[in-house]
């Protein structure tokens, strides 16, 4: 079967700076994605006089109704009721490829407009703590030294912690005008207490690993009790993935169960390389606590 990673690996920028000891069970979206550093020139082009948060506006779509509010009142929007402010389009000859991605976190499909956005959704789903992923959440109208400009961020990720506003764009495709829009989004996020990132690529091995784990993300029956065998074996200490599955009563089936446990962060994998029999796997700390307490 052709995987997402094999289709996109050469076209998705990667970074070599992922620490050698990074474990997948504690990785965050920040650990997986390569953020883009905005230039000071982009920030300087923003017009932000006193009271700017009252003059910059956001427009949200609540069903068929378009509601506009100043940036200062952004946290008062009932985001659970919103729908994408701009429709996704499909047409012959378009360069980007829109579609729908299923997320375990929401148990629904979510729209995306490119391979890069699909990867963002998959990584956010794996990173955990995701409650909702709002695509094309609002239209931002802001002021620059050249006049008013509109921008629609790609996603607003609602988590159990701080919301995360995200734009997705490969670094080589970011023009100076894009940087100004991203700088404005960053200022809005800072004002209302959100995180903001421009995801311009992915750290080395992140795409392949998350894609490999994702084949085990859906519910998986375990009539042979192999998950408990895997967790008990991993409790002995970190070991190669191949050695771990060999300790199961049915190693071939144990591989599928191990990948399921990796996606759900009950096992952790050293992310310094791709998933292979030599990859080091450990028992996730939370899973270890459950084994010790029986809860």
C-alpha atoms as a PDB file:
ATOM      1  CA  UNK A   1       0.000   0.000   0.000  1.00  0.00           C
ATOM      2  CA  UNK A   2       1.323   3.456  -0.917  1.00  0.00           C
ATOM      3  CA  UNK A   3       1.524   5.608   2.228  1.00  0.00           C
ATOM      4  CA  UNK A   4       1.179   9.351   2.651  1.00  0.00           C
ATOM      5  CA  UNK A   5       4.854   9.515   3.609  1.00  0.00           C
ATOM      6  CA  UNK A   6       6.022   7.785   0.424  1.00  0.00           C
ATOM      7  CA  UNK A   7       3.924  10.125  -1.717  1.00  0.00           C
ATOM      8  CA  UNK A   8       5.106  13.335  -0.069  1.00  0.00           C
ATOM      9  CA  UNK A   9       8.476  12.627   1.447  1.00  0.00           C
ATOM     10  CA  UNK A  10      10.509  14.363  -1.234  1.00  0.00           C
ATOM     11  CA  UNK A  11       8.213  17.392  -1.506  1.00  0.00           C
ATOM     12  CA  UNK A  12       7.872  18.134   2.218  1.00  0.00           C
ATOM     13  CA  UNK A  13      10.731  20.207   3.698  1.00  0.00           C
ATOM     14  CA  UNK A  14      12.373  18.617   6.721  1.00  0.00           C
ATOM     15  CA  UNK A  15      14.750  19.809   9.394  1.00  0.00           C
ATOM     16  CA  UNK A  16      17.644  17.868  10.901  1.00  0.00           C
ATOM     17  CA  UNK A  17      17.459  19.440  14.353  1.00  0.00           C
ATOM     18  CA  UNK A  18      15.132  16.969  16.110  1.00  0.00           C
ATOM     19  CA  UNK A  19      16.972  15.892  19.302  1.00  0.00           C
ATOM     20  CA  UNK A  20      18.225  12.288  19.288  1.00  0.00           C
ATOM     21  CA  UNK A  21      16.431  11.497  22.554  1.00  0.00           C
ATOM     22  CA  UNK A  22      12.992  12.776  21.557  1.00  0.00           C
ATOM     23  CA  UNK A  23      10.313  10.201  22.388  1.00  0.00           C
ATOM     24  CA  UNK A  24       7.103  10.042  20.382  1.00  0.00           C
ATOM     25  CA  UNK A  25       4.866   9.592  23.440  1.00  0.00           C
ATOM     26  CA  UNK A  26       5.750  13.073  24.741  1.00  0.00           C
ATOM     27  CA  UNK A  27       6.171  14.870  21.404  1.00  0.00           C
ATOM     28  CA  UNK A  28       4.065  17.956  20.730  1.00  0.00           C
ATOM     29  CA  UNK A  29       3.097  19.637  17.480  1.00  0.00           C
ATOM     30  CA  UNK A  30       6.002  22.024  18.086  1.00  0.00           C
ATOM     31  CA  UNK A  31       8.371  19.028  18.194  1.00  0.00           C
ATOM     32  CA  UNK A  32       7.060  17.695  14.875  1.00  0.00           C
ATOM     33  CA  UNK A  33       6.621  20.844  12.772  1.00  0.00           C
ATOM     34  CA  UNK A  34       9.301  23.229  11.562  1.00  0.00           C
ATOM     35  CA  UNK A  35       8.088  26.784  12.296  1.00  0.00           C
ATOM     36  CA  UNK A  36       8.897  29.745  10.074  1.00  0.00           C
ATOM     37  CA  UNK A  37      10.670  32.764  11.529  1.00  0.00           C
ATOM     38  CA  UNK A  38       8.989  36.003  10.419  1.00  0.00           C
ATOM     39  CA  UNK A  39      11.220  38.864   9.335  1.00  0.00           C
ATOM     40  CA  UNK A  40      11.251  42.167  11.291  1.00  0.00           C
ATOM     41  CA  UNK A  41      10.357  43.982   8.050  1.00  0.00           C
ATOM     42  CA  UNK A  42       6.982  42.197   7.936  1.00  0.00           C
ATOM     43  CA  UNK A  43       6.100  43.374  11.444  1.00  0.00           C
ATOM     44  CA  UNK A  44       7.147  46.932  10.662  1.00  0.00           C
ATOM     45  CA  UNK A  45       4.646  47.072   7.786  1.00  0.00           C
ATOM     46  CA  UNK A  46       1.719  46.605  10.201  1.00  0.00           C
ATOM     47  CA  UNK A  47      -0.208  49.712  11.226  1.00  0.00           C
ATOM     48  CA  UNK A  48      -0.798  49.313  14.961  1.00  0.00           C
ATOM     49  CA  UNK A  49      -1.673  52.676  16.526  1.00  0.00           C
ATOM     50  CA  UNK A  50      -3.187  52.936  19.976  1.00  0.00           C
ATOM     51  CA  UNK A  51      -6.451  50.999  20.054  1.00  0.00           C
ATOM     52  CA  UNK A  52      -5.585  48.932  16.974  1.00  0.00           C
ATOM     53  CA  UNK A  53      -7.347  45.840  18.384  1.00  0.00           C
ATOM     54  CA  UNK A  54     -10.627  47.755  18.095  1.00  0.00           C
ATOM     55  CA  UNK A  55      -9.971  48.673  14.464  1.00  0.00           C
ATOM     56  CA  UNK A  56      -8.741  45.272  13.260  1.00  0.00           C
ATOM     57  CA  UNK A  57     -11.711  42.925  12.768  1.00  0.00           C
ATOM     58  CA  UNK A  58     -12.462  39.232  12.353  1.00  0.00           C
ATOM     59  CA  UNK A  59     -15.461  37.844  10.461  1.00  0.00           C
ATOM     60  CA  UNK A  60     -16.878  34.420  11.388  1.00  0.00           C
ATOM     61  CA  UNK A  61     -19.581  32.403   9.699  1.00  0.00           C
ATOM     62  CA  UNK A  62     -22.283  30.996  11.988  1.00  0.00           C
ATOM     63  CA  UNK A  63     -24.259  28.858   9.556  1.00  0.00           C
ATOM     64  CA  UNK A  64     -25.368  31.298   6.879  1.00  0.00           C
ATOM     65  CA  UNK A  65     -24.855  34.330   9.091  1.00  0.00           C
ATOM     66  CA  UNK A  66     -21.627  36.344   8.883  1.00  0.00           C
ATOM     67  CA  UNK A  67     -20.667  37.913  12.221  1.00  0.00           C
ATOM     68  CA  UNK A  68     -17.924  40.527  12.521  1.00  0.00           C
ATOM     69  CA  UNK A  69     -16.208  41.529  15.753  1.00  0.00           C
ATOM     70  CA  UNK A  70     -13.093  43.506  16.683  1.00  0.00           C
ATOM     71  CA  UNK A  71      -9.977  41.580  17.608  1.00  0.00           C
ATOM     72  CA  UNK A  72     -10.269  42.703  21.219  1.00  0.00           C
ATOM     73  CA  UNK A  73     -13.553  40.714  21.530  1.00  0.00           C
ATOM     74  CA  UNK A  74     -12.270  37.587  19.802  1.00  0.00           C
ATOM     75  CA  UNK A  75     -12.510  35.323  22.836  1.00  0.00           C
ATOM     76  CA  UNK A  76     -16.244  36.049  23.048  1.00  0.00           C
ATOM     77  CA  UNK A  77     -17.013  34.241  19.782  1.00  0.00           C
ATOM     78  CA  UNK A  78     -18.930  30.961  20.141  1.00  0.00           C
ATOM     79  CA  UNK A  79     -16.413  29.001  18.082  1.00  0.00           C
ATOM     80  CA  UNK A  80     -18.253  25.698  18.473  1.00  0.00           C
ATOM     81  CA  UNK A  81     -21.006  27.059  16.211  1.00  0.00           C
ATOM     82  CA  UNK A  82     -18.745  28.331  13.439  1.00  0.00           C
ATOM     83  CA  UNK A  83     -18.199  26.883   9.965  1.00  0.00           C
ATOM     84  CA  UNK A  84     -15.404  27.701   7.468  1.00  0.00           C
ATOM     85  CA  UNK A  85     -15.634  31.327   6.449  1.00  0.00           C
ATOM     86  CA  UNK A  86     -14.550  30.384   2.931  1.00  0.00           C
ATOM     87  CA  UNK A  87     -15.708  27.308   1.011  1.00  0.00           C
ATOM     88  CA  UNK A  88     -13.273  24.687  -0.222  1.00  0.00           C
ATOM     89  CA  UNK A  89     -13.179  24.500  -4.004  1.00  0.00           C
ATOM     90  CA  UNK A  90     -12.461  21.683  -6.455  1.00  0.00           C
ATOM     91  CA  UNK A  91     -11.828  22.410 -10.107  1.00  0.00           C
ATOM     92  CA  UNK A  92      -9.936  20.925 -13.031  1.00  0.00           C
ATOM     93  CA  UNK A  93      -6.378  22.131 -13.311  1.00  0.00           C
ATOM     94  CA  UNK A  94      -5.921  23.487  -9.781  1.00  0.00           C
ATOM     95  CA  UNK A  95      -2.443  23.006  -8.332  1.00  0.00           C
ATOM     96  CA  UNK A  96      -3.452  22.174  -4.774  1.00  0.00           C
ATOM     97  CA  UNK A  97      -5.358  19.036  -3.766  1.00  0.00           C
ATOM     98  CA  UNK A  98      -8.217  19.535  -1.288  1.00  0.00           C
ATOM     99  CA  UNK A  99      -9.872  16.693   0.576  1.00  0.00           C
ATOM    100  CA  UNK A 100     -11.090  15.383   3.916  1.00  0.00           C
ATOM    101  CA  UNK A 101      -8.984  13.886   6.735  1.00  0.00           C
ATOM    102  CA  UNK A 102     -10.448  11.755   9.516  1.00  0.00           C
ATOM    103  CA  UNK A 103      -9.315  12.717  13.025  1.00  0.00           C
ATOM    104  CA  UNK A 104      -9.512  10.327  15.954  1.00  0.00           C
ATOM    105  CA  UNK A 105      -9.675  13.284  18.345  1.00  0.00           C
ATOM    106  CA  UNK A 106     -12.989  14.539  16.945  1.00  0.00           C
ATOM    107  CA  UNK A 107     -14.265  11.333  15.290  1.00  0.00           C
ATOM    108  CA  UNK A 108     -15.065  13.397  12.181  1.00  0.00           C
ATOM    109  CA  UNK A 109     -13.591  14.303   8.827  1.00  0.00           C
ATOM    110  CA  UNK A 110     -12.072  17.775   8.435  1.00  0.00           C
ATOM    111  CA  UNK A 111     -11.390  19.693   5.254  1.00  0.00           C
ATOM    112  CA  UNK A 112      -7.928  20.582   3.973  1.00  0.00           C
ATOM    113  CA  UNK A 113      -6.685  22.297   0.816  1.00  0.00           C
ATOM    114  CA  UNK A 114      -3.238  20.763   0.281  1.00  0.00           C
ATOM    115  CA  UNK A 115      -0.952  17.879   1.213  1.00  0.00           C
ATOM    116  CA  UNK A 116       0.777  20.160   3.715  1.00  0.00           C
ATOM    117  CA  UNK A 117      -2.516  20.986   5.447  1.00  0.00           C
ATOM    118  CA  UNK A 118      -3.445  17.295   5.555  1.00  0.00           C
ATOM    119  CA  UNK A 119      -0.149  16.580   7.288  1.00  0.00           C
ATOM    120  CA  UNK A 120      -0.855  19.341   9.789  1.00  0.00           C
ATOM    121  CA  UNK A 121      -4.196  17.755  10.693  1.00  0.00           C
ATOM    122  CA  UNK A 122      -2.631  14.305  11.050  1.00  0.00           C
ATOM    123  CA  UNK A 123       0.201  15.616  13.232  1.00  0.00           C
ATOM    124  CA  UNK A 124      -2.206  17.623  15.414  1.00  0.00           C
ATOM    125  CA  UNK A 125      -4.339  14.511  15.868  1.00  0.00           C
ATOM    126  CA  UNK A 126      -1.302  12.489  16.942  1.00  0.00           C
ATOM    127  CA  UNK A 127       0.081  15.219  19.191  1.00  0.00           C
ATOM    128  CA  UNK A 128      -2.908  14.806  21.505  1.00  0.00           C
ATOM    129  CA  UNK A 129      -4.997  17.257  23.544  1.00  0.00           C
ATOM    130  CA  UNK A 130      -6.913  18.250  20.381  1.00  0.00           C
ATOM    131  CA  UNK A 131     -10.611  19.009  20.888  1.00  0.00           C
ATOM    132  CA  UNK A 132     -11.557  20.669  17.585  1.00  0.00           C
ATOM    133  CA  UNK A 133      -9.871  21.681  14.339  1.00  0.00           C
ATOM    134  CA  UNK A 134     -11.503  24.684  12.660  1.00  0.00           C
ATOM    135  CA  UNK A 135     -10.477  25.085   9.017  1.00  0.00           C
ATOM    136  CA  UNK A 136     -10.555  28.583   7.475  1.00  0.00           C
ATOM    137  CA  UNK A 137     -11.879  29.809  10.843  1.00  0.00           C
ATOM    138  CA  UNK A 138     -12.251  33.550  10.216  1.00  0.00           C
ATOM    139  CA  UNK A 139     -11.375  36.410   7.890  1.00  0.00           C
ATOM    140  CA  UNK A 140      -8.990  38.893   9.466  1.00  0.00           C
ATOM    141  CA  UNK A 141      -9.041  42.479   8.210  1.00  0.00           C
ATOM    142  CA  UNK A 142      -6.028  44.420   9.411  1.00  0.00           C
ATOM    143  CA  UNK A 143      -4.217  47.651   8.620  1.00  0.00           C
ATOM    144  CA  UNK A 144      -0.789  48.055   7.063  1.00  0.00           C
ATOM    145  CA  UNK A 145       1.272  51.026   5.995  1.00  0.00           C
ATOM    146  CA  UNK A 146      -0.197  50.448   2.515  1.00  0.00           C
ATOM    147  CA  UNK A 147      -3.855  50.168   3.605  1.00  0.00           C
ATOM    148  CA  UNK A 148      -6.320  47.465   4.658  1.00  0.00           C
ATOM    149  CA  UNK A 149      -5.546  43.803   3.944  1.00  0.00           C
ATOM    150  CA  UNK A 150      -7.569  40.600   4.402  1.00  0.00           C
ATOM    151  CA  UNK A 151      -6.228  37.211   5.459  1.00  0.00           C
ATOM    152  CA  UNK A 152      -7.866  33.883   6.324  1.00  0.00           C
ATOM    153  CA  UNK A 153      -5.663  31.681   8.572  1.00  0.00           C
ATOM    154  CA  UNK A 154      -5.644  28.001   7.671  1.00  0.00           C
ATOM    155  CA  UNK A 155      -6.620  26.437  11.013  1.00  0.00           C
ATOM    156  CA  UNK A 156      -7.567  27.219  14.569  1.00  0.00           C
ATOM    157  CA  UNK A 157      -6.783  24.167  16.720  1.00  0.00           C
ATOM    158  CA  UNK A 158      -8.774  24.096  19.935  1.00  0.00           C
ATOM    159  CA  UNK A 159      -6.960  22.017  22.555  1.00  0.00           C
ATOM    160  CA  UNK A 160      -7.260  21.167  26.234  1.00  0.00           C
ATOM    161  CA  UNK A 161      -4.655  23.872  26.722  1.00  0.00           C
ATOM    162  CA  UNK A 162      -4.066  27.040  24.712  1.00  0.00           C
ATOM    163  CA  UNK A 163      -5.738  27.406  21.277  1.00  0.00           C
ATOM    164  CA  UNK A 164      -3.300  27.284  18.381  1.00  0.00           C
ATOM    165  CA  UNK A 165      -3.752  29.448  15.274  1.00  0.00           C
ATOM    166  CA  UNK A 166      -1.840  27.982  12.317  1.00  0.00           C
ATOM    167  CA  UNK A 167      -0.933  28.948   8.782  1.00  0.00           C
ATOM    168  CA  UNK A 168       0.595  26.259   6.568  1.00  0.00           C
ATOM    169  CA  UNK A 169       2.951  27.233   3.743  1.00  0.00           C
ATOM    170  CA  UNK A 170       6.199  25.658   2.460  1.00  0.00           C
ATOM    171  CA  UNK A 171       9.079  28.034   3.176  1.00  0.00           C
ATOM    172  CA  UNK A 172      10.026  28.427  -0.493  1.00  0.00           C
ATOM    173  CA  UNK A 173       6.498  29.629  -1.304  1.00  0.00           C
ATOM    174  CA  UNK A 174       6.293  32.392   1.313  1.00  0.00           C
ATOM    175  CA  UNK A 175       6.326  35.790  -0.379  1.00  0.00           C
ATOM    176  CA  UNK A 176       6.881  39.137   1.425  1.00  0.00           C
ATOM    177  CA  UNK A 177       3.115  39.827   1.230  1.00  0.00           C
ATOM    178  CA  UNK A 178       2.451  36.487   2.925  1.00  0.00           C
ATOM    179  CA  UNK A 179       4.832  37.378   5.742  1.00  0.00           C
ATOM    180  CA  UNK A 180       2.857  40.544   6.472  1.00  0.00           C
ATOM    181  CA  UNK A 181      -0.348  38.503   6.734  1.00  0.00           C
ATOM    182  CA  UNK A 182       1.346  35.983   8.998  1.00  0.00           C
ATOM    183  CA  UNK A 183       2.761  38.776  11.165  1.00  0.00           C
ATOM    184  CA  UNK A 184      -0.752  40.195  11.570  1.00  0.00           C
ATOM    185  CA  UNK A 185      -2.077  36.759  12.580  1.00  0.00           C
ATOM    186  CA  UNK A 186       0.728  36.462  15.121  1.00  0.00           C
ATOM    187  CA  UNK A 187      -0.213  39.812  16.671  1.00  0.00           C
ATOM    188  CA  UNK A 188      -3.876  38.781  16.895  1.00  0.00           C
ATOM    189  CA  UNK A 189      -2.945  35.487  18.570  1.00  0.00           C
ATOM    190  CA  UNK A 190      -0.671  37.259  21.039  1.00  0.00           C
ATOM    191  CA  UNK A 191      -3.409  39.743  21.938  1.00  0.00           C
ATOM    192  CA  UNK A 192      -5.996  37.062  22.791  1.00  0.00           C
ATOM    193  CA  UNK A 193      -3.561  34.615  24.414  1.00  0.00           C
ATOM    194  CA  UNK A 194      -3.323  32.014  21.647  1.00  0.00           C
ATOM    195  CA  UNK A 195      -0.298  30.271  20.194  1.00  0.00           C
ATOM    196  CA  UNK A 196       0.551  30.996  16.574  1.00  0.00           C
ATOM    197  CA  UNK A 197       2.803  29.215  14.082  1.00  0.00           C
ATOM    198  CA  UNK A 198       3.539  29.225  10.396  1.00  0.00           C
ATOM    199  CA  UNK A 199       4.250  25.561   9.647  1.00  0.00           C
ATOM    200  CA  UNK A 200       6.759  25.673   6.795  1.00  0.00           C
ATOM    201  CA  UNK A 201       7.959  22.055   6.931  1.00  0.00           C
ATOM    202  CA  UNK A 202       8.552  19.091   9.189  1.00  0.00           C
ATOM    203  CA  UNK A 203      11.439  17.864  11.284  1.00  0.00           C
ATOM    204  CA  UNK A 204      13.381  14.857  10.073  1.00  0.00           C
ATOM    205  CA  UNK A 205      11.441  11.562  10.254  1.00  0.00           C
ATOM    206  CA  UNK A 206       8.336  13.262  11.715  1.00  0.00           C
ATOM    207  CA  UNK A 207       6.213  12.783   8.570  1.00  0.00           C
ATOM    208  CA  UNK A 208       7.133   9.126   8.093  1.00  0.00           C
ATOM    209  CA  UNK A 209       6.705   8.214  11.751  1.00  0.00           C
ATOM    210  CA  UNK A 210       3.322   9.867  12.252  1.00  0.00           C
ATOM    211  CA  UNK A 211       2.106   8.359   8.988  1.00  0.00           C
ATOM    212  CA  UNK A 212       3.323   4.905  10.101  1.00  0.00           C
ATOM    213  CA  UNK A 213       1.628   5.236  13.489  1.00  0.00           C
ATOM    214  CA  UNK A 214      -1.617   6.456  11.896  1.00  0.00           C
ATOM    215  CA  UNK A 215      -2.430   3.039  10.403  1.00  0.00           C
ATOM    216  CA  UNK A 216      -3.147   1.906  13.966  1.00  0.00           C
ATOM    217  CA  UNK A 217      -5.176   4.884  15.140  1.00  0.00           C
ATOM    218  CA  UNK A 218      -8.669   3.379  14.814  1.00  0.00           C
ATOM    219  CA  UNK A 219     -10.137   1.019  17.455  1.00  0.00           C
ATOM    220  CA  UNK A 220      -8.443  -2.382  17.328  1.00  0.00           C
ATOM    221  CA  UNK A 221      -9.738  -5.576  18.924  1.00  0.00           C
ATOM    222  CA  UNK A 222      -7.265  -7.520  21.065  1.00  0.00           C
ATOM    223  CA  UNK A 223      -8.787 -10.945  21.712  1.00  0.00           C
ATOM    224  CA  UNK A 224      -5.350 -12.503  22.273  1.00  0.00           C
ATOM    225  CA  UNK A 225      -4.337 -10.006  24.938  1.00  0.00           C
ATOM    226  CA  UNK A 226      -1.259  -8.925  22.974  1.00  0.00           C
ATOM    227  CA  UNK A 227      -1.367  -5.305  24.116  1.00  0.00           C
ATOM    228  CA  UNK A 228      -0.862  -6.333  27.714  1.00  0.00           C
ATOM    229  CA  UNK A 229       1.995  -8.606  26.637  1.00  0.00           C
ATOM    230  CA  UNK A 230       3.643  -5.701  24.811  1.00  0.00           C
ATOM    231  CA  UNK A 231       3.238  -3.302  27.725  1.00  0.00           C
ATOM    232  CA  UNK A 232       4.587  -5.828  30.224  1.00  0.00           C
ATOM    233  CA  UNK A 233       7.591  -6.525  28.003  1.00  0.00           C
ATOM    234  CA  UNK A 234       8.271  -2.811  27.503  1.00  0.00           C
ATOM    235  CA  UNK A 235       8.167  -2.335  31.282  1.00  0.00           C
ATOM    236  CA  UNK A 236      11.503  -4.207  31.435  1.00  0.00           C
ATOM    237  CA  UNK A 237      13.162  -1.200  29.813  1.00  0.00           C
ATOM    238  CA  UNK A 238      13.693   0.317  26.345  1.00  0.00           C
ATOM    239  CA  UNK A 239      14.356  -2.274  23.649  1.00  0.00           C
ATOM    240  CA  UNK A 240      14.356  -2.607  19.846  1.00  0.00           C
ATOM    241  CA  UNK A 241      10.922  -2.695  18.234  1.00  0.00           C
ATOM    242  CA  UNK A 242      11.658  -6.073  16.643  1.00  0.00           C
ATOM    243  CA  UNK A 243      12.654  -7.603  19.981  1.00  0.00           C
ATOM    244  CA  UNK A 244       9.530  -6.236  21.632  1.00  0.00           C
ATOM    245  CA  UNK A 245       7.078  -7.803  19.184  1.00  0.00           C
ATOM    246  CA  UNK A 246       8.955 -11.119  19.342  1.00  0.00           C
ATOM    247  CA  UNK A 247       7.984 -11.370  23.015  1.00  0.00           C
ATOM    248  CA  UNK A 248       4.307 -11.618  21.994  1.00  0.00           C
ATOM    249  CA  UNK A 249       2.624 -14.996  21.647  1.00  0.00           C
ATOM    250  CA  UNK A 250       1.814 -14.075  18.011  1.00  0.00           C
ATOM    251  CA  UNK A 251       4.565 -11.670  16.820  1.00  0.00           C
ATOM    252  CA  UNK A 252       3.005 -10.974  13.407  1.00  0.00           C
ATOM    253  CA  UNK A 253      -0.215  -9.739  15.013  1.00  0.00           C
ATOM    254  CA  UNK A 254       1.782  -8.084  17.788  1.00  0.00           C
ATOM    255  CA  UNK A 255       3.255  -5.645  15.256  1.00  0.00           C
ATOM    256  CA  UNK A 256      -0.165  -4.195  14.490  1.00  0.00           C
ATOM    257  CA  UNK A 257      -0.961  -3.946  18.198  1.00  0.00           C
ATOM    258  CA  UNK A 258       2.382  -2.246  18.891  1.00  0.00           C
ATOM    259  CA  UNK A 259       1.723   0.404  16.230  1.00  0.00           C
ATOM    260  CA  UNK A 260      -1.724   0.959  17.750  1.00  0.00           C
ATOM    261  CA  UNK A 261      -0.082   1.528  21.151  1.00  0.00           C
ATOM    262  CA  UNK A 262       2.470   3.905  19.587  1.00  0.00           C
ATOM    263  CA  UNK A 263      -0.283   6.072  18.081  1.00  0.00           C
ATOM    264  CA  UNK A 264      -2.154   6.175  21.389  1.00  0.00           C
ATOM    265  CA  UNK A 265       1.065   7.012  23.290  1.00  0.00           C
ATOM    266  CA  UNK A 266       1.104   3.967  25.544  1.00  0.00           C
ATOM    267  CA  UNK A 267       4.422   3.096  23.929  1.00  0.00           C
ATOM    268  CA  UNK A 268       7.022   5.646  22.870  1.00  0.00           C
ATOM    269  CA  UNK A 269       9.560   5.439  20.040  1.00  0.00           C
ATOM    270  CA  UNK A 270      12.902   7.217  19.702  1.00  0.00           C
ATOM    271  CA  UNK A 271      12.211   9.629  16.834  1.00  0.00           C
ATOM    272  CA  UNK A 272      15.818   9.943  15.692  1.00  0.00           C
ATOM    273  CA  UNK A 273      15.140   7.511  12.838  1.00  0.00           C
ATOM    274  CA  UNK A 274      12.334   5.872  10.848  1.00  0.00           C
ATOM    275  CA  UNK A 275      10.260   3.033  12.264  1.00  0.00           C
ATOM    276  CA  UNK A 276      12.239  -0.209  11.905  1.00  0.00           C
ATOM    277  CA  UNK A 277      12.973  -3.354  13.907  1.00  0.00           C
ATOM    278  CA  UNK A 278      16.061  -1.608  15.322  1.00  0.00           C
ATOM    279  CA  UNK A 279      14.076   1.425  16.539  1.00  0.00           C
ATOM    280  CA  UNK A 280      14.147   1.843  20.303  1.00  0.00           C
ATOM    281  CA  UNK A 281      10.759   1.574  22.013  1.00  0.00           C
ATOM    282  CA  UNK A 282       9.908   2.334  25.633  1.00  0.00           C
ATOM    283  CA  UNK A 283       6.885   2.088  27.902  1.00  0.00           C
ATOM    284  CA  UNK A 284       5.245   5.509  28.122  1.00  0.00           C
ATOM    285  CA  UNK A 285       5.398   6.891  31.699  1.00  0.00           C
ATOM    286  CA  UNK A 286       1.602   7.120  31.978  1.00  0.00           C
ATOM    287  CA  UNK A 287       1.180   3.557  30.734  1.00  0.00           C
ATOM    288  CA  UNK A 288       3.778   2.434  33.278  1.00  0.00           C
ATOM    289  CA  UNK A 289       1.824   4.072  36.073  1.00  0.00           C
ATOM    290  CA  UNK A 290      -1.319   2.220  34.986  1.00  0.00           C
ATOM    291  CA  UNK A 291       0.555  -1.079  34.982  1.00  0.00           C
ATOM    292  CA  UNK A 292       1.845  -0.498  38.510  1.00  0.00           C
ATOM    293  CA  UNK A 293      -1.494   0.630  39.954  1.00  0.00           C
ATOM    294  CA  UNK A 294      -3.757  -1.611  37.893  1.00  0.00           C
ATOM    295  CA  UNK A 295      -5.795   1.421  36.727  1.00  0.00           C
END
